[in-house]
N, C-alpha and C. Protein backbone atom coordinates (compact mmCIF):
# COMPACT_ATOMS: atom_id res chain seq x y z
N UNK A 1 17.55 39.92 -48.80
CA UNK A 1 16.23 40.01 -48.24
C UNK A 1 16.37 39.91 -46.72
N UNK A 2 15.67 40.74 -46.02
CA UNK A 2 15.76 40.66 -44.57
C UNK A 2 14.73 39.67 -44.00
N UNK A 3 14.86 39.41 -42.73
CA UNK A 3 14.02 38.41 -42.04
C UNK A 3 12.54 38.72 -42.20
N UNK A 4 12.16 39.95 -42.00
CA UNK A 4 10.75 40.35 -42.07
C UNK A 4 10.18 40.11 -43.47
N UNK A 5 10.93 40.49 -44.49
CA UNK A 5 10.48 40.29 -45.88
C UNK A 5 10.42 38.81 -46.21
N UNK A 6 11.41 38.05 -45.75
CA UNK A 6 11.47 36.62 -46.03
C UNK A 6 10.30 35.87 -45.42
N UNK A 7 9.86 36.29 -44.25
CA UNK A 7 8.79 35.58 -43.56
C UNK A 7 7.41 36.22 -43.74
N UNK A 8 7.28 37.15 -44.65
CA UNK A 8 6.00 37.81 -44.91
C UNK A 8 5.15 36.94 -45.84
N UNK A 9 4.88 35.71 -45.40
CA UNK A 9 4.15 34.72 -46.18
C UNK A 9 3.72 33.61 -45.23
N UNK A 10 3.63 32.39 -45.69
CA UNK A 10 3.19 31.28 -44.85
C UNK A 10 4.23 30.86 -43.81
N UNK A 11 5.43 31.39 -43.90
CA UNK A 11 6.45 31.06 -42.91
C UNK A 11 6.13 31.62 -41.54
N UNK A 12 5.17 32.54 -41.46
CA UNK A 12 4.76 33.06 -40.15
C UNK A 12 4.14 31.96 -39.28
N UNK A 13 3.82 30.82 -39.89
CA UNK A 13 3.25 29.70 -39.14
C UNK A 13 4.31 28.92 -38.35
N UNK A 14 5.57 29.23 -38.55
CA UNK A 14 6.65 28.55 -37.86
C UNK A 14 7.21 29.42 -36.74
N UNK A 15 7.71 28.77 -35.71
CA UNK A 15 8.35 29.51 -34.62
C UNK A 15 9.72 30.01 -35.08
N UNK A 16 10.25 30.95 -34.34
CA UNK A 16 11.59 31.45 -34.64
C UNK A 16 12.62 30.33 -34.58
N UNK A 17 12.47 29.43 -33.62
CA UNK A 17 13.40 28.31 -33.50
C UNK A 17 13.34 27.42 -34.73
N UNK A 18 12.14 27.14 -35.21
CA UNK A 18 11.99 26.31 -36.41
C UNK A 18 12.62 27.00 -37.62
N UNK A 19 12.38 28.28 -37.76
CA UNK A 19 12.93 29.04 -38.88
C UNK A 19 14.46 29.05 -38.83
N UNK A 20 15.02 29.26 -37.65
CA UNK A 20 16.47 29.27 -37.50
C UNK A 20 17.07 27.93 -37.90
N UNK A 21 16.38 26.86 -37.55
CA UNK A 21 16.87 25.52 -37.87
C UNK A 21 16.75 25.20 -39.36
N UNK A 22 15.66 25.65 -39.97
CA UNK A 22 15.37 25.30 -41.36
C UNK A 22 16.23 26.03 -42.38
N UNK A 23 16.51 27.29 -42.14
CA UNK A 23 17.08 28.13 -43.19
C UNK A 23 18.50 28.60 -42.91
N UNK A 24 19.23 28.79 -43.98
CA UNK A 24 20.56 29.39 -43.94
C UNK A 24 20.35 30.90 -44.09
N UNK A 25 20.45 31.60 -42.99
CA UNK A 25 20.11 33.03 -43.00
C UNK A 25 21.13 33.88 -43.74
N UNK A 26 22.33 33.39 -43.89
CA UNK A 26 23.29 34.11 -44.74
C UNK A 26 22.82 34.08 -46.19
N UNK A 27 22.26 32.96 -46.62
CA UNK A 27 21.70 32.86 -47.98
C UNK A 27 20.45 33.72 -48.12
N UNK A 28 19.63 33.75 -47.09
CA UNK A 28 18.43 34.61 -47.13
C UNK A 28 18.84 36.05 -47.35
N UNK A 29 19.86 36.50 -46.63
CA UNK A 29 20.31 37.89 -46.75
C UNK A 29 20.82 38.21 -48.15
N UNK A 30 21.31 37.21 -48.87
CA UNK A 30 21.82 37.41 -50.23
C UNK A 30 20.70 37.57 -51.26
N UNK A 31 19.49 37.12 -50.92
CA UNK A 31 18.38 37.20 -51.89
C UNK A 31 18.00 38.64 -52.16
N UNK A 32 17.84 38.99 -53.42
CA UNK A 32 17.32 40.32 -53.72
C UNK A 32 15.86 40.40 -53.26
N UNK A 33 15.45 41.55 -52.81
CA UNK A 33 14.05 41.73 -52.43
C UNK A 33 13.28 42.25 -53.63
N UNK A 34 13.01 41.34 -54.55
CA UNK A 34 12.24 41.71 -55.74
C UNK A 34 11.08 40.73 -55.91
N UNK A 35 10.22 41.02 -56.85
CA UNK A 35 9.02 40.20 -57.04
C UNK A 35 9.34 38.75 -57.37
N UNK A 36 10.36 38.52 -58.17
CA UNK A 36 10.73 37.15 -58.56
C UNK A 36 11.14 36.34 -57.34
N UNK A 37 12.03 36.88 -56.53
CA UNK A 37 12.50 36.15 -55.35
C UNK A 37 11.40 36.01 -54.31
N UNK A 38 10.58 37.04 -54.14
CA UNK A 38 9.46 36.92 -53.19
C UNK A 38 8.51 35.82 -53.62
N UNK A 39 8.29 35.66 -54.93
CA UNK A 39 7.42 34.59 -55.42
C UNK A 39 8.04 33.22 -55.13
N UNK A 40 9.33 33.09 -55.35
CA UNK A 40 10.01 31.82 -55.08
C UNK A 40 9.90 31.45 -53.60
N UNK A 41 10.06 32.43 -52.74
CA UNK A 41 9.95 32.19 -51.30
C UNK A 41 8.49 31.88 -50.94
N UNK A 42 7.56 32.54 -51.56
CA UNK A 42 6.12 32.26 -51.33
C UNK A 42 5.81 30.81 -51.66
N UNK A 43 6.27 30.34 -52.82
CA UNK A 43 6.03 28.94 -53.19
C UNK A 43 6.65 27.99 -52.17
N UNK A 44 7.86 28.30 -51.73
CA UNK A 44 8.52 27.46 -50.73
C UNK A 44 7.71 27.47 -49.44
N UNK A 45 7.24 28.61 -49.02
CA UNK A 45 6.47 28.70 -47.78
C UNK A 45 5.18 27.88 -47.89
N UNK A 46 4.53 27.92 -49.05
CA UNK A 46 3.32 27.12 -49.25
C UNK A 46 3.64 25.63 -49.15
N UNK A 47 4.71 25.23 -49.79
CA UNK A 47 5.10 23.83 -49.74
C UNK A 47 5.35 23.40 -48.30
N UNK A 48 6.06 24.21 -47.55
CA UNK A 48 6.45 23.83 -46.20
C UNK A 48 5.27 23.72 -45.23
N UNK A 49 4.15 24.37 -45.54
CA UNK A 49 2.98 24.20 -44.67
C UNK A 49 2.05 23.10 -45.18
N UNK A 50 2.44 22.44 -46.26
CA UNK A 50 1.67 21.31 -46.76
C UNK A 50 0.86 21.56 -48.00
N UNK A 51 0.88 22.77 -48.52
CA UNK A 51 0.17 23.08 -49.77
C UNK A 51 1.14 22.82 -50.92
N UNK A 52 1.19 21.58 -51.37
CA UNK A 52 2.16 21.18 -52.38
C UNK A 52 1.64 21.43 -53.79
N UNK A 53 0.40 21.13 -54.03
CA UNK A 53 -0.10 21.15 -55.41
C UNK A 53 -0.11 22.55 -56.02
N UNK A 54 -0.52 23.55 -55.28
CA UNK A 54 -0.62 24.90 -55.85
C UNK A 54 0.74 25.45 -56.29
N UNK A 55 1.78 25.41 -55.43
CA UNK A 55 3.06 25.93 -55.91
C UNK A 55 3.63 25.11 -57.07
N UNK A 56 3.47 23.79 -57.02
CA UNK A 56 4.00 22.97 -58.10
C UNK A 56 3.27 23.24 -59.41
N UNK A 57 1.99 23.49 -59.37
CA UNK A 57 1.26 23.83 -60.59
C UNK A 57 1.77 25.14 -61.17
N UNK A 58 2.02 26.11 -60.31
CA UNK A 58 2.57 27.40 -60.78
C UNK A 58 3.97 27.22 -61.36
N UNK A 59 4.80 26.43 -60.70
CA UNK A 59 6.17 26.23 -61.15
C UNK A 59 6.21 25.48 -62.48
N UNK A 60 5.29 24.57 -62.68
CA UNK A 60 5.22 23.82 -63.94
C UNK A 60 4.99 24.74 -65.14
N UNK A 61 4.38 25.88 -64.91
CA UNK A 61 4.09 26.83 -65.99
C UNK A 61 5.34 27.61 -66.43
N UNK A 62 6.39 27.56 -65.63
CA UNK A 62 7.63 28.27 -65.96
C UNK A 62 8.43 27.49 -66.99
N UNK A 63 9.29 28.20 -67.71
CA UNK A 63 10.18 27.48 -68.62
C UNK A 63 11.24 26.75 -67.80
N UNK A 64 11.95 25.85 -68.45
CA UNK A 64 12.90 24.97 -67.76
C UNK A 64 13.94 25.75 -66.96
N UNK A 65 14.47 26.80 -67.52
CA UNK A 65 15.51 27.59 -66.84
C UNK A 65 14.96 28.25 -65.58
N UNK A 66 13.75 28.75 -65.65
CA UNK A 66 13.13 29.38 -64.48
C UNK A 66 12.80 28.35 -63.40
N UNK A 67 12.32 27.18 -63.80
CA UNK A 67 12.06 26.11 -62.83
C UNK A 67 13.36 25.75 -62.10
N UNK A 68 14.41 25.62 -62.88
CA UNK A 68 15.71 25.29 -62.29
C UNK A 68 16.13 26.34 -61.27
N UNK A 69 15.95 27.61 -61.59
CA UNK A 69 16.32 28.69 -60.68
C UNK A 69 15.51 28.64 -59.39
N UNK A 70 14.23 28.31 -59.49
CA UNK A 70 13.39 28.16 -58.29
C UNK A 70 14.00 27.11 -57.37
N UNK A 71 14.30 25.94 -57.93
CA UNK A 71 14.81 24.86 -57.11
C UNK A 71 16.23 25.14 -56.61
N UNK A 72 17.04 25.82 -57.39
CA UNK A 72 18.37 26.22 -56.92
C UNK A 72 18.26 27.17 -55.73
N UNK A 73 17.32 28.09 -55.81
CA UNK A 73 17.10 29.02 -54.71
C UNK A 73 16.70 28.26 -53.46
N UNK A 74 15.77 27.33 -53.60
CA UNK A 74 15.34 26.53 -52.45
C UNK A 74 16.50 25.74 -51.86
N UNK A 75 17.33 25.15 -52.70
CA UNK A 75 18.48 24.38 -52.22
C UNK A 75 19.42 25.29 -51.42
N UNK A 76 19.65 26.49 -51.91
CA UNK A 76 20.53 27.42 -51.22
C UNK A 76 19.96 27.85 -49.86
N UNK A 77 18.66 27.96 -49.77
CA UNK A 77 18.03 28.48 -48.55
C UNK A 77 17.89 27.46 -47.44
N UNK A 78 17.60 26.23 -47.80
CA UNK A 78 17.28 25.21 -46.79
C UNK A 78 18.56 24.58 -46.26
N UNK A 79 18.74 24.66 -44.95
CA UNK A 79 19.91 24.03 -44.35
C UNK A 79 19.55 22.78 -43.56
N UNK A 80 18.30 22.62 -43.17
CA UNK A 80 17.88 21.45 -42.41
C UNK A 80 17.72 20.26 -43.35
N UNK A 81 18.48 19.23 -43.11
CA UNK A 81 18.53 18.09 -44.03
C UNK A 81 17.17 17.38 -44.12
N UNK A 82 16.44 17.27 -43.02
CA UNK A 82 15.14 16.61 -43.07
C UNK A 82 14.14 17.40 -43.92
N UNK A 83 14.18 18.71 -43.79
CA UNK A 83 13.31 19.57 -44.61
C UNK A 83 13.70 19.43 -46.07
N UNK A 84 14.99 19.48 -46.35
CA UNK A 84 15.47 19.37 -47.73
C UNK A 84 15.11 18.01 -48.33
N UNK A 85 15.29 16.97 -47.57
CA UNK A 85 15.01 15.62 -48.07
C UNK A 85 13.54 15.49 -48.50
N UNK A 86 12.64 15.91 -47.64
CA UNK A 86 11.21 15.82 -47.98
C UNK A 86 10.84 16.66 -49.17
N UNK A 87 11.37 17.85 -49.21
CA UNK A 87 11.09 18.76 -50.33
C UNK A 87 11.57 18.17 -51.64
N UNK A 88 12.78 17.68 -51.66
CA UNK A 88 13.33 17.24 -52.94
C UNK A 88 12.84 15.88 -53.37
N UNK A 89 12.38 15.07 -52.46
CA UNK A 89 11.68 13.85 -52.86
C UNK A 89 10.39 14.22 -53.59
N UNK A 90 9.69 15.20 -53.08
CA UNK A 90 8.47 15.67 -53.74
C UNK A 90 8.76 16.27 -55.10
N UNK A 91 9.82 17.05 -55.20
CA UNK A 91 10.21 17.66 -56.47
C UNK A 91 10.54 16.56 -57.49
N UNK A 92 11.30 15.57 -57.08
CA UNK A 92 11.65 14.48 -57.99
C UNK A 92 10.42 13.76 -58.50
N UNK A 93 9.51 13.45 -57.63
CA UNK A 93 8.29 12.74 -58.03
C UNK A 93 7.46 13.60 -58.99
N UNK A 94 7.35 14.87 -58.67
CA UNK A 94 6.49 15.76 -59.44
C UNK A 94 7.09 16.16 -60.80
N UNK A 95 8.39 16.35 -60.85
CA UNK A 95 9.00 16.92 -62.05
C UNK A 95 9.87 15.95 -62.84
N UNK A 96 10.34 14.90 -62.23
CA UNK A 96 11.27 14.01 -62.92
C UNK A 96 10.62 12.67 -63.28
N UNK A 97 9.92 12.11 -62.38
CA UNK A 97 9.40 10.75 -62.56
C UNK A 97 8.07 10.74 -63.29
């Protein structure tokens, strides 16, 4: 997936510097540009701007294997440790605890 496709969602709210710091762009480039991956990135973008409940409600509707793939994709994409820490604390609370 290229930069333009990856940021064609709520990620447009971040500066280029923030995006460069947050994401592993080599991993972004590896993403297929298909509906499934675009949806996973959309959910991540919603989460990152503070809309946590809507993406988590959608993800809860997926089967276990698909939920796992969503979170694996997010893990691969996020390189900023502070962003990852906040995201995965929320995931643990919402899905595990």
